[in-house]
C-alpha cells in the first residue's frame, strides 16, 4: 500500500493524474489506511491496544460512578436511580446506565441488585470483554472468587490483550486456592 501511495505521488508530480478520480481515490484510500493503522512494530501496536482497553472503558465507568456519587452525596438517591433508569430506557444497548445503576445500588447497600445490573450487562453484550471483566472484578471484591474465575476467564478469552483481565484472573485463582 505504501508503494501505491509513493508511486501515485511521484506520478502526480510529473503528470496531472491527481485530476482523474479512478487513479486518485485508490491512492487516497491506501494513504488513509496507512495513516490510520498506526505504528509498524507489534510491541507499540499491542501497547496502544492495551492503553485503549484499560483507559477508555474504565474511564467511562469512573465517570459514571462520579456522577452517581455526586447525586448520592446530595442525598437524592431516588433521583439518581430514576436518572440512571431513564438513561437505560433511552439507550437500551448502552452499558453506562447499567454500570451507573450497579454503582448506585452498591452505594445504597443493595448488593443483589448491584450484581444483577452487571449480570444484565453481560447478557446485553455477551461478547464484550469489559462486561465480564467488571462483573468478575465485582465478584472478586465481594470475596466470591468461585464466581469471579469463570467470568474473568471469559473476559480474558474475549480480549487477549487486556492485562487488567489477566491480573484479576490471577488474583481470583490465587484466592480460590
Protein backbone atom coordinates (compact mmCIF):
# COMPACT_ATOMS: atom_id res chain seq x y z
CA UNK A 1 0.00 0.00 0.00
CA UNK A 2 2.90 2.29 0.71
CA UNK A 3 4.20 1.62 -2.79
CA UNK A 4 0.83 2.65 -4.28
CA UNK A 5 0.94 5.95 -2.40
CA UNK A 6 4.57 6.67 -3.30
CA UNK A 7 4.10 5.79 -6.98
CA UNK A 8 0.98 7.94 -7.14
CA UNK A 9 2.84 10.86 -5.54
CA UNK A 10 5.74 10.62 -7.96
CA UNK A 11 3.40 10.21 -10.92
CA UNK A 12 1.30 13.19 -9.83
CA UNK A 13 4.42 15.34 -9.58
CA UNK A 14 5.27 14.53 -13.21
CA UNK A 15 1.77 14.33 -14.68
CA UNK A 16 -1.69 15.59 -13.75
CA UNK A 17 -3.05 12.18 -12.66
CA UNK A 18 -4.48 13.64 -9.45
CA UNK A 19 -7.24 15.06 -11.63
CA UNK A 20 -8.53 11.55 -12.54
CA UNK A 21 -10.73 10.08 -9.75
CA UNK A 22 -10.17 6.46 -10.83
CA UNK A 23 -6.48 6.82 -10.05
CA UNK A 24 -6.71 9.24 -7.14
CA UNK A 25 -9.35 7.53 -4.96
CA UNK A 26 -7.48 4.22 -4.52
CA UNK A 27 -4.27 6.07 -3.69
CA UNK A 28 -6.08 8.22 -1.11
CA UNK A 29 -7.71 5.13 0.42
CA UNK A 30 -4.30 3.48 0.72
CA UNK A 31 -2.81 6.61 2.26
CA UNK A 32 -5.70 6.90 4.72
CA UNK A 33 -5.39 3.28 5.75
CA UNK A 34 -1.64 3.62 6.27
CA UNK A 35 -2.09 6.76 8.33
CA UNK A 36 -4.88 5.28 10.48
CA UNK A 37 -3.37 1.89 11.23
CA UNK A 38 -0.62 3.23 13.45
CA UNK A 39 2.97 2.16 14.09
CA UNK A 40 4.64 -0.81 12.46
CA UNK A 41 6.14 -2.55 15.46
CA UNK A 42 3.97 -5.15 17.14
CA UNK A 43 5.03 -4.03 20.60
CA UNK A 44 3.87 -0.48 20.01
CA UNK A 45 0.61 -1.70 18.46
CA UNK A 46 -0.03 -4.05 21.39
CA UNK A 47 0.78 -1.31 23.90
CA UNK A 48 -1.62 1.08 22.17
CA UNK A 49 -4.39 -1.54 22.21
CA UNK A 50 -3.75 -2.18 25.90
CA UNK A 51 -3.87 1.55 26.72
CA UNK A 52 -7.19 1.86 24.86
CA UNK A 53 -8.60 -1.21 26.61
CA UNK A 54 -7.52 -0.01 30.03
CA UNK A 55 -8.27 3.70 29.83
CA UNK A 56 -11.33 4.29 27.71
CA UNK A 57 -13.93 1.89 29.16
CA UNK A 58 -12.70 2.12 32.72
CA UNK A 59 -12.61 5.89 32.41
CA UNK A 60 -16.24 5.86 31.34
CA UNK A 61 -17.11 3.68 34.32
CA UNK A 62 -15.25 6.04 36.63
CA UNK A 63 -17.13 9.00 35.15
CA UNK A 64 -20.47 7.27 35.64
CA UNK A 65 -19.57 6.44 39.22
CA UNK A 66 -18.50 10.05 39.85
CA UNK A 67 -21.84 11.35 38.56
CA UNK A 68 -23.70 8.86 40.72
CA UNK A 69 -21.58 9.77 43.73
CA UNK A 70 -22.38 13.44 43.22
CA UNK A 71 -26.11 12.68 43.24
CA UNK A 72 -25.79 10.46 46.25
CA UNK A 73 -23.78 12.99 48.25
CA UNK A 74 -26.64 15.41 47.78
CA UNK A 75 -28.77 12.78 49.48
CA UNK A 76 -31.03 12.25 46.49
CA UNK A 77 -30.69 8.51 45.87
CA UNK A 78 -34.19 8.15 44.36
CA UNK A 79 -33.36 10.85 41.80
CA UNK A 80 -30.06 9.15 40.97
CA UNK A 81 -31.85 5.83 40.46
CA UNK A 82 -34.55 7.47 38.35
CA UNK A 83 -31.97 9.24 36.18
CA UNK A 84 -29.98 6.04 35.64
CA UNK A 85 -33.13 4.05 34.81
CA UNK A 86 -34.23 6.78 32.40
CA UNK A 87 -30.84 6.64 30.71
CA UNK A 88 -31.07 2.85 30.45
CA UNK A 89 -34.54 3.13 28.89
CA UNK A 90 -33.49 5.81 26.41
CA UNK A 91 -30.43 3.85 25.22
CA UNK A 92 -31.15 0.17 25.85
CA UNK A 93 -27.86 -1.07 24.32
CA UNK A 94 -25.57 1.22 26.36
CA UNK A 95 -23.63 -0.25 29.23
CA UNK A 96 -23.02 3.02 31.06
CA UNK A 97 -26.51 3.26 32.65
CA UNK A 98 -26.24 -0.34 33.85
CA UNK A 99 -22.85 0.36 35.41
CA UNK A 100 -24.29 3.50 37.00
CA UNK A 101 -27.29 1.58 38.38
CA UNK A 102 -24.90 -1.01 39.79
CA UNK A 103 -22.85 1.70 41.48
CA UNK A 104 -25.97 3.33 42.94
CA UNK A 105 -27.29 0.03 44.28
CA UNK A 106 -23.88 -0.77 45.71
CA UNK A 107 -23.70 2.63 47.42
CA UNK A 108 -27.15 2.02 48.88
CA UNK A 109 -26.03 -1.38 50.19
CA UNK A 110 -28.21 -3.39 47.82
CA UNK A 111 -25.56 -5.90 46.68
CA UNK A 112 -28.00 -8.27 44.97
CA UNK A 113 -29.44 -5.51 42.77
CA UNK A 114 -25.95 -4.18 42.09
CA UNK A 115 -24.72 -7.55 40.84
CA UNK A 116 -27.95 -8.10 38.89
CA UNK A 117 -27.26 -4.95 36.85
CA UNK A 118 -23.79 -6.24 35.99
CA UNK A 119 -25.21 -9.64 35.02
CA UNK A 120 -27.71 -7.79 32.82
CA UNK A 121 -24.77 -6.04 31.13
CA UNK A 122 -23.16 -9.41 30.31
CA UNK A 123 -26.46 -10.60 28.84
CA UNK A 124 -26.84 -7.39 26.84
CA UNK A 125 -23.34 -7.59 25.34
CA UNK A 126 -22.05 -11.13 25.92
CA UNK A 127 -19.13 -10.77 23.52
CA UNK A 128 -17.86 -7.58 25.19
CA UNK A 129 -14.90 -8.41 27.43
CA UNK A 130 -15.49 -5.32 29.54
CA UNK A 131 -18.85 -6.55 30.85
CA UNK A 132 -17.31 -9.81 32.05
CA UNK A 133 -14.29 -8.02 33.48
CA UNK A 134 -16.43 -5.62 35.52
CA UNK A 135 -18.66 -8.46 36.79
CA UNK A 136 -15.63 -10.57 37.67
CA UNK A 137 -13.99 -7.64 39.44
CA UNK A 138 -17.20 -7.03 41.40
CA UNK A 139 -17.39 -10.67 42.49
CA UNK A 140 -13.70 -10.68 43.39
CA UNK A 141 -14.15 -7.59 45.59
CA UNK A 142 -17.21 -9.24 47.17
CA UNK A 143 -14.96 -12.20 48.09
CA UNK A 144 -16.56 -14.64 45.68
CA UNK A 145 -13.58 -15.94 43.69
CA UNK A 146 -15.59 -19.02 42.72
CA UNK A 147 -17.90 -16.74 40.72
CA UNK A 148 -15.13 -14.40 39.55
CA UNK A 149 -12.85 -17.02 37.96
CA UNK A 150 -15.17 -18.12 35.12
CA UNK A 151 -16.23 -14.51 34.47
CA UNK A 152 -12.65 -13.31 34.27
CA UNK A 153 -11.69 -16.31 32.14
CA UNK A 154 -14.40 -15.25 29.72
CA UNK A 155 -13.11 -11.65 29.74
CA UNK A 156 -9.54 -12.81 29.13
CA UNK A 157 -10.63 -15.08 26.27
CA UNK A 158 -12.61 -12.29 24.62
CA UNK A 159 -9.77 -9.75 24.90
CA UNK A 160 -6.40 -11.46 24.93
CA UNK A 161 -4.58 -8.10 25.00
CA UNK A 162 -6.10 -7.00 28.32
CA UNK A 163 -3.52 -7.02 31.07
CA UNK A 164 -6.19 -6.00 33.58
CA UNK A 165 -8.33 -9.09 32.98
CA UNK A 166 -5.25 -11.30 33.25
CA UNK A 167 -4.18 -9.74 36.55
CA UNK A 168 -7.67 -10.01 38.01
CA UNK A 169 -7.92 -13.63 36.86
CA UNK A 170 -4.59 -14.46 38.51
CA UNK A 171 -5.74 -12.83 41.74
CA UNK A 172 -9.07 -14.68 41.66
CA UNK A 173 -7.34 -18.02 41.03
CA UNK A 174 -4.94 -17.36 43.90
CA UNK A 175 -7.81 -16.56 46.26
CA UNK A 176 -9.72 -19.63 45.09
CA UNK A 177 -6.89 -21.79 46.18
